[in-house]
Amino acid sequence: MAFSVADLARAKAFRISPKDTNYFVMLFDQVTDQIDNIFVIEIFKVGGATPPNEHSRAHEFFHVLHGDGVAHCDGKALPIKKGDSLLLHPGSEHVIENTGAGKLYTLTVMTPNEGFAELIRSGEPVELDADDIRILRG
């Protein structure tokens, strides 16, 4: 296969846990493309954040598509906004927090996958709202 295209009209979105304030739109992963990394759009509700987490082998990359937030990593805080990119190295405990007035949208890539795609897909399905679709389509 020379290339793949993610069709947002048919993309699946999931929340890992019912209490989570962020959810994921699956773009590319092992299930769709037989690759050992994962590409998602991560959407954070107003005031939402990831739970504190770290990855033993994986690098995690965030590119802010829309909104404002703060990246917390190993005791440091860094404001992030549309156009910013952030790379977290293995073993770094981190939290991404939405501090803006609207939702925060990031392109999130984790390589290798380290079970992240399976964790997301085992969560509960989420319906994207009109704002999500509008932002994702640019």
N, C-alpha and C. Protein backbone atom coordinates (compact mmCIF):
# COMPACT_ATOMS: atom_id res chain seq x y z
N MET A 1 0.85 -1.17 0.00
CA MET A 1 0.00 0.00 0.00
C MET A 1 0.90 1.24 0.00
N ALA A 2 0.69 2.13 -0.95
CA ALA A 2 1.53 3.32 -1.08
C ALA A 2 1.17 4.40 -0.07
N PHE A 3 -0.12 4.55 0.23
CA PHE A 3 -0.54 5.56 1.20
C PHE A 3 -1.92 5.22 1.74
N SER A 4 -2.28 5.88 2.84
CA SER A 4 -3.59 5.70 3.46
C SER A 4 -4.22 7.07 3.65
N VAL A 5 -5.54 7.10 3.65
CA VAL A 5 -6.28 8.33 3.88
C VAL A 5 -7.27 8.08 5.01
N ALA A 6 -7.28 8.96 6.01
CA ALA A 6 -8.23 8.85 7.11
C ALA A 6 -9.47 9.66 6.75
N ASP A 7 -10.60 8.99 6.64
CA ASP A 7 -11.87 9.63 6.30
C ASP A 7 -12.56 10.06 7.58
N LEU A 8 -12.56 11.36 7.86
CA LEU A 8 -13.14 11.84 9.12
C LEU A 8 -14.62 11.55 9.23
N ALA A 9 -15.31 11.41 8.10
CA ALA A 9 -16.74 11.09 8.14
C ALA A 9 -16.98 9.70 8.73
N ARG A 10 -15.97 8.83 8.64
CA ARG A 10 -16.12 7.47 9.14
C ARG A 10 -15.19 7.17 10.31
N ALA A 11 -14.46 8.18 10.77
CA ALA A 11 -13.50 7.96 11.86
C ALA A 11 -14.22 7.59 13.15
N LYS A 12 -13.61 6.72 13.91
CA LYS A 12 -14.15 6.28 15.20
C LYS A 12 -13.48 7.07 16.31
N ALA A 13 -14.28 7.48 17.30
CA ALA A 13 -13.75 8.21 18.45
C ALA A 13 -14.07 7.44 19.72
N PHE A 14 -13.14 7.49 20.68
CA PHE A 14 -13.28 6.75 21.93
C PHE A 14 -12.78 7.57 23.11
N ARG A 15 -13.38 7.32 24.26
CA ARG A 15 -12.91 7.83 25.56
C ARG A 15 -12.44 6.59 26.32
N ILE A 16 -11.23 6.63 26.85
CA ILE A 16 -10.67 5.45 27.52
C ILE A 16 -11.50 5.06 28.73
N SER A 17 -11.85 6.03 29.56
CA SER A 17 -12.60 5.77 30.79
C SER A 17 -13.78 6.73 30.85
N PRO A 18 -14.92 6.30 31.39
CA PRO A 18 -16.10 7.18 31.43
C PRO A 18 -15.87 8.52 32.11
N LYS A 19 -14.93 8.61 33.04
CA LYS A 19 -14.68 9.86 33.74
C LYS A 19 -13.63 10.74 33.05
N ASP A 20 -13.00 10.24 31.99
CA ASP A 20 -11.97 11.02 31.30
C ASP A 20 -12.56 12.26 30.65
N THR A 21 -11.76 13.32 30.61
CA THR A 21 -12.18 14.59 30.01
C THR A 21 -11.51 14.82 28.66
N ASN A 22 -10.88 13.78 28.14
CA ASN A 22 -10.32 13.83 26.79
C ASN A 22 -10.76 12.58 26.04
N TYR A 23 -10.81 12.69 24.72
CA TYR A 23 -11.17 11.55 23.88
C TYR A 23 -10.38 11.60 22.59
N PHE A 24 -10.40 10.51 21.84
CA PHE A 24 -9.48 10.31 20.73
C PHE A 24 -10.22 9.95 19.45
N VAL A 25 -9.84 10.60 18.35
CA VAL A 25 -10.33 10.24 17.03
C VAL A 25 -9.23 9.41 16.37
N MET A 26 -9.52 8.15 16.10
CA MET A 26 -8.51 7.26 15.54
C MET A 26 -8.25 7.62 14.07
N LEU A 27 -6.98 7.80 13.72
CA LEU A 27 -6.59 8.06 12.33
C LEU A 27 -5.88 6.86 11.74
N PHE A 28 -4.71 6.52 12.31
CA PHE A 28 -3.93 5.39 11.79
C PHE A 28 -3.35 4.62 12.97
N ASP A 29 -3.39 3.28 12.87
CA ASP A 29 -2.81 2.42 13.90
C ASP A 29 -2.65 1.02 13.34
N GLN A 30 -2.34 0.08 14.22
CA GLN A 30 -2.15 -1.31 13.80
C GLN A 30 -3.39 -1.88 13.13
N VAL A 31 -4.57 -1.57 13.66
CA VAL A 31 -5.82 -2.11 13.11
C VAL A 31 -6.06 -1.63 11.68
N THR A 32 -5.84 -0.34 11.44
CA THR A 32 -6.16 0.22 10.12
C THR A 32 -5.02 0.10 9.13
N ASP A 33 -3.77 0.13 9.61
CA ASP A 33 -2.64 0.22 8.67
C ASP A 33 -1.46 -0.70 8.98
N GLN A 34 -1.61 -1.61 9.94
CA GLN A 34 -0.55 -2.54 10.30
C GLN A 34 0.77 -1.83 10.57
N ILE A 35 0.70 -0.73 11.36
CA ILE A 35 1.90 0.02 11.73
C ILE A 35 2.11 -0.08 13.24
N ASP A 36 3.34 0.13 13.68
CA ASP A 36 3.66 0.00 15.10
C ASP A 36 3.69 1.36 15.81
N ASN A 37 2.87 2.28 15.35
CA ASN A 37 2.67 3.54 16.06
C ASN A 37 1.21 3.93 15.91
N ILE A 38 0.84 5.04 16.51
CA ILE A 38 -0.57 5.44 16.50
C ILE A 38 -0.65 6.94 16.25
N PHE A 39 -1.60 7.32 15.40
CA PHE A 39 -1.88 8.72 15.07
C PHE A 39 -3.35 8.97 15.42
N VAL A 40 -3.59 9.94 16.30
CA VAL A 40 -4.96 10.29 16.69
C VAL A 40 -5.10 11.80 16.75
N ILE A 41 -6.34 12.27 16.70
CA ILE A 41 -6.65 13.62 17.12
C ILE A 41 -7.17 13.48 18.54
N GLU A 42 -6.53 14.15 19.46
CA GLU A 42 -6.94 14.10 20.86
C GLU A 42 -7.72 15.37 21.16
N ILE A 43 -8.89 15.21 21.74
CA ILE A 43 -9.78 16.34 22.02
C ILE A 43 -9.98 16.42 23.53
N PHE A 44 -9.72 17.62 24.08
CA PHE A 44 -9.83 17.86 25.52
C PHE A 44 -11.01 18.79 25.76
N LYS A 45 -11.95 18.37 26.60
CA LYS A 45 -13.05 19.25 26.98
C LYS A 45 -12.50 20.46 27.73
N VAL A 46 -13.31 21.52 27.84
CA VAL A 46 -12.92 22.69 28.61
C VAL A 46 -12.57 22.24 30.03
N GLY A 47 -11.39 22.63 30.49
CA GLY A 47 -10.93 22.23 31.82
C GLY A 47 -10.41 20.81 31.89
N GLY A 48 -10.41 20.10 30.78
CA GLY A 48 -10.01 18.70 30.76
C GLY A 48 -8.50 18.51 30.75
N ALA A 49 -8.09 17.29 31.07
CA ALA A 49 -6.66 16.96 31.10
C ALA A 49 -6.49 15.45 30.99
N THR A 50 -5.31 15.05 30.58
CA THR A 50 -4.98 13.63 30.62
C THR A 50 -4.70 13.26 32.07
N PRO A 51 -4.90 12.01 32.43
CA PRO A 51 -4.40 11.59 33.73
C PRO A 51 -2.86 11.58 33.67
N PRO A 52 -2.18 11.74 34.80
CA PRO A 52 -0.71 11.64 34.77
C PRO A 52 -0.32 10.28 34.19
N ASN A 53 0.63 10.29 33.26
CA ASN A 53 1.04 9.03 32.63
C ASN A 53 2.46 9.15 32.10
N GLU A 54 3.05 7.99 31.83
CA GLU A 54 4.37 7.93 31.20
C GLU A 54 4.45 6.66 30.38
N HIS A 55 5.40 6.63 29.49
CA HIS A 55 5.56 5.49 28.59
C HIS A 55 6.99 4.99 28.69
N SER A 56 7.14 3.69 28.86
CA SER A 56 8.48 3.15 29.12
C SER A 56 9.38 3.19 27.88
N ARG A 57 8.82 2.96 26.68
CA ARG A 57 9.63 2.91 25.47
C ARG A 57 9.23 3.94 24.43
N ALA A 58 8.04 4.50 24.54
CA ALA A 58 7.49 5.32 23.46
C ALA A 58 7.77 6.80 23.62
N HIS A 59 7.98 7.44 22.48
CA HIS A 59 7.97 8.90 22.39
C HIS A 59 6.53 9.30 22.08
N GLU A 60 6.07 10.41 22.68
CA GLU A 60 4.72 10.90 22.39
C GLU A 60 4.84 12.34 21.89
N PHE A 61 4.22 12.59 20.76
CA PHE A 61 4.29 13.88 20.08
C PHE A 61 2.90 14.51 20.07
N PHE A 62 2.83 15.79 20.38
CA PHE A 62 1.58 16.55 20.32
C PHE A 62 1.81 17.78 19.43
N HIS A 63 0.90 18.01 18.50
CA HIS A 63 0.89 19.25 17.73
C HIS A 63 -0.48 19.89 17.95
N VAL A 64 -0.50 21.12 18.47
CA VAL A 64 -1.76 21.78 18.81
C VAL A 64 -2.41 22.32 17.54
N LEU A 65 -3.60 21.79 17.26
CA LEU A 65 -4.38 22.20 16.10
C LEU A 65 -5.30 23.38 16.40
N HIS A 66 -5.78 23.43 17.65
CA HIS A 66 -6.75 24.45 18.04
C HIS A 66 -6.81 24.51 19.55
N GLY A 67 -6.81 25.73 20.10
CA GLY A 67 -6.98 25.88 21.53
C GLY A 67 -5.69 26.22 22.26
N ASP A 68 -5.80 26.24 23.58
CA ASP A 68 -4.70 26.59 24.47
C ASP A 68 -4.63 25.61 25.62
N GLY A 69 -3.43 25.37 26.09
CA GLY A 69 -3.28 24.47 27.22
C GLY A 69 -1.95 24.65 27.91
N VAL A 70 -1.67 23.71 28.79
CA VAL A 70 -0.40 23.65 29.49
C VAL A 70 0.07 22.21 29.47
N ALA A 71 1.34 22.02 29.12
CA ALA A 71 1.96 20.70 29.19
C ALA A 71 2.77 20.65 30.48
N HIS A 72 2.49 19.66 31.30
CA HIS A 72 3.24 19.44 32.54
C HIS A 72 4.11 18.21 32.33
N CYS A 73 5.39 18.34 32.61
CA CYS A 73 6.29 17.20 32.42
C CYS A 73 7.42 17.26 33.44
N ASP A 74 7.53 16.19 34.21
CA ASP A 74 8.61 16.07 35.20
C ASP A 74 8.75 17.32 36.06
N GLY A 75 7.63 17.86 36.55
CA GLY A 75 7.64 18.99 37.45
C GLY A 75 7.73 20.35 36.79
N LYS A 76 7.76 20.42 35.46
CA LYS A 76 7.81 21.70 34.75
C LYS A 76 6.51 21.91 34.01
N ALA A 77 6.14 23.18 33.79
CA ALA A 77 4.91 23.51 33.06
C ALA A 77 5.28 24.41 31.88
N LEU A 78 4.65 24.14 30.72
CA LEU A 78 4.92 24.91 29.51
C LEU A 78 3.59 25.23 28.84
N PRO A 79 3.26 26.51 28.65
CA PRO A 79 2.03 26.85 27.92
C PRO A 79 2.14 26.36 26.48
N ILE A 80 1.02 25.86 25.95
CA ILE A 80 0.97 25.45 24.54
C ILE A 80 -0.24 26.08 23.88
N LYS A 81 -0.10 26.37 22.57
CA LYS A 81 -1.18 27.00 21.80
C LYS A 81 -1.12 26.51 20.37
N LYS A 82 -2.13 26.88 19.59
CA LYS A 82 -2.21 26.49 18.19
C LYS A 82 -0.87 26.72 17.49
N GLY A 83 -0.40 25.68 16.80
CA GLY A 83 0.85 25.75 16.08
C GLY A 83 2.05 25.21 16.84
N ASP A 84 1.92 25.03 18.16
CA ASP A 84 3.03 24.50 18.96
C ASP A 84 3.13 22.99 18.83
N SER A 85 4.36 22.50 18.90
CA SER A 85 4.62 21.06 18.90
C SER A 85 5.42 20.70 20.14
N LEU A 86 5.17 19.53 20.66
CA LEU A 86 5.79 19.07 21.90
C LEU A 86 6.15 17.59 21.73
N LEU A 87 7.37 17.23 22.09
CA LEU A 87 7.81 15.84 22.06
C LEU A 87 8.19 15.41 23.46
N LEU A 88 7.57 14.34 23.93
CA LEU A 88 7.86 13.78 25.25
C LEU A 88 8.65 12.49 25.08
N HIS A 89 9.72 12.38 25.83
CA HIS A 89 10.59 11.21 25.72
C HIS A 89 10.14 10.10 26.67
N PRO A 90 10.53 8.86 26.38
CA PRO A 90 10.15 7.74 27.25
C PRO A 90 10.55 8.01 28.70
N GLY A 91 9.68 7.59 29.62
CA GLY A 91 9.94 7.72 31.04
C GLY A 91 9.60 9.06 31.65
N SER A 92 9.10 9.99 30.84
CA SER A 92 8.73 11.33 31.36
C SER A 92 7.27 11.32 31.78
N GLU A 93 7.01 11.52 33.07
CA GLU A 93 5.62 11.62 33.51
C GLU A 93 5.06 12.95 33.04
N HIS A 94 3.86 12.90 32.46
CA HIS A 94 3.30 14.12 31.87
C HIS A 94 1.79 14.18 31.98
N VAL A 95 1.30 15.43 31.85
CA VAL A 95 -0.12 15.73 31.80
C VAL A 95 -0.28 16.84 30.77
N ILE A 96 -1.28 16.71 29.91
CA ILE A 96 -1.65 17.79 29.01
C ILE A 96 -3.00 18.30 29.51
N GLU A 97 -3.08 19.61 29.72
CA GLU A 97 -4.26 20.23 30.33
C GLU A 97 -4.82 21.31 29.42
N ASN A 98 -6.12 21.31 29.25
CA ASN A 98 -6.80 22.37 28.49
C ASN A 98 -7.07 23.53 29.43
N THR A 99 -6.46 24.69 29.14
CA THR A 99 -6.66 25.88 29.96
C THR A 99 -7.43 26.96 29.21
N GLY A 100 -7.87 26.65 27.99
CA GLY A 100 -8.55 27.64 27.16
C GLY A 100 -10.04 27.70 27.42
N ALA A 101 -10.69 28.65 26.73
CA ALA A 101 -12.14 28.86 26.86
C ALA A 101 -12.94 27.84 26.05
N GLY A 102 -12.31 27.17 25.09
CA GLY A 102 -12.97 26.15 24.27
C GLY A 102 -12.19 24.85 24.35
N LYS A 103 -12.58 23.89 23.53
CA LYS A 103 -11.87 22.61 23.51
C LYS A 103 -10.45 22.79 22.97
N LEU A 104 -9.57 21.88 23.39
CA LEU A 104 -8.19 21.81 22.91
C LEU A 104 -8.09 20.59 22.00
N TYR A 105 -7.51 20.78 20.81
CA TYR A 105 -7.36 19.70 19.83
C TYR A 105 -5.87 19.52 19.52
N THR A 106 -5.38 18.30 19.63
CA THR A 106 -3.99 18.02 19.27
C THR A 106 -3.92 16.83 18.32
N LEU A 107 -2.97 16.89 17.41
CA LEU A 107 -2.56 15.70 16.68
C LEU A 107 -1.59 15.01 17.61
N THR A 108 -1.89 13.78 18.01
CA THR A 108 -1.05 13.05 18.96
C THR A 108 -0.52 11.80 18.27
N VAL A 109 0.79 11.60 18.35
CA VAL A 109 1.45 10.45 17.73
C VAL A 109 2.29 9.77 18.81
N MET A 110 2.16 8.47 18.92
CA MET A 110 2.98 7.72 19.86
C MET A 110 3.70 6.63 19.10
N THR A 111 5.03 6.59 19.28
CA THR A 111 5.81 5.58 18.59
C THR A 111 6.90 5.02 19.51
N PRO A 112 6.96 3.70 19.67
CA PRO A 112 5.98 2.74 19.18
C PRO A 112 4.66 2.84 19.94
N ASN A 113 3.68 2.13 19.46
CA ASN A 113 2.32 2.17 20.00
C ASN A 113 2.26 1.83 21.50
N GLU A 114 3.03 0.87 21.92
CA GLU A 114 3.11 0.45 23.33
C GLU A 114 1.73 0.17 23.95
N GLY A 115 0.80 -0.37 23.16
CA GLY A 115 -0.52 -0.74 23.66
C GLY A 115 -1.53 0.39 23.74
N PHE A 116 -1.15 1.59 23.31
CA PHE A 116 -2.03 2.76 23.42
C PHE A 116 -3.26 2.63 22.53
N ALA A 117 -3.08 2.17 21.30
CA ALA A 117 -4.23 2.02 20.38
C ALA A 117 -5.24 1.02 20.94
N GLU A 118 -4.74 -0.08 21.49
CA GLU A 118 -5.63 -1.09 22.05
C GLU A 118 -6.37 -0.54 23.26
N LEU A 119 -5.68 0.25 24.09
CA LEU A 119 -6.32 0.87 25.25
C LEU A 119 -7.44 1.81 24.80
N ILE A 120 -7.16 2.64 23.81
CA ILE A 120 -8.18 3.57 23.29
C ILE A 120 -9.36 2.80 22.71
N ARG A 121 -9.08 1.84 21.86
CA ARG A 121 -10.17 1.09 21.20
C ARG A 121 -11.00 0.27 22.18
N SER A 122 -10.46 -0.03 23.36
CA SER A 122 -11.22 -0.79 24.36
C SER A 122 -12.14 0.14 25.18
N GLY A 123 -12.02 1.44 24.97
CA GLY A 123 -12.85 2.40 25.69
C GLY A 123 -14.24 2.51 25.11
N GLU A 124 -14.98 3.52 25.59
CA GLU A 124 -16.35 3.70 25.12
C GLU A 124 -16.39 4.61 23.90
N PRO A 125 -17.24 4.28 22.92
CA PRO A 125 -17.38 5.13 21.73
C PRO A 125 -17.91 6.52 22.10
N VAL A 126 -17.44 7.53 21.37
CA VAL A 126 -17.85 8.91 21.56
C VAL A 126 -18.34 9.45 20.22
N GLU A 127 -19.45 10.16 20.25
CA GLU A 127 -19.94 10.83 19.05
C GLU A 127 -19.28 12.19 18.95
N LEU A 128 -18.74 12.51 17.80
CA LEU A 128 -18.17 13.84 17.59
C LEU A 128 -19.29 14.84 17.39
N ASP A 129 -19.16 16.02 18.00
CA ASP A 129 -20.20 17.04 17.83
C ASP A 129 -19.85 17.94 16.65
N ALA A 130 -20.73 18.88 16.35
CA ALA A 130 -20.54 19.76 15.19
C ALA A 130 -19.27 20.57 15.29
N ASP A 131 -18.91 21.04 16.50
CA ASP A 131 -17.66 21.78 16.68
C ASP A 131 -16.46 20.90 16.38
N ASP A 132 -16.50 19.66 16.86
CA ASP A 132 -15.39 18.73 16.57
C ASP A 132 -15.20 18.57 15.07
N ILE A 133 -16.28 18.30 14.35
CA ILE A 133 -16.21 18.11 12.90
C ILE A 133 -15.68 19.36 12.22
N ARG A 134 -16.16 20.51 12.64
CA ARG A 134 -15.74 21.79 12.03
C ARG A 134 -14.25 22.00 12.23
N ILE A 135 -13.75 21.79 13.43
CA ILE A 135 -12.31 21.97 13.71
C ILE A 135 -11.49 20.94 12.95
N LEU A 136 -11.92 19.70 12.96
CA LEU A 136 -11.15 18.64 12.30
C LEU A 136 -11.07 18.85 10.78
N ARG A 137 -12.09 19.43 10.21
CA ARG A 137 -12.08 19.68 8.77
C ARG A 137 -11.36 20.98 8.40
N GLY A 138 -10.97 21.74 9.42
CA GLY A 138 -10.20 22.98 9.17
C GLY A 138 -11.06 24.10 8.74
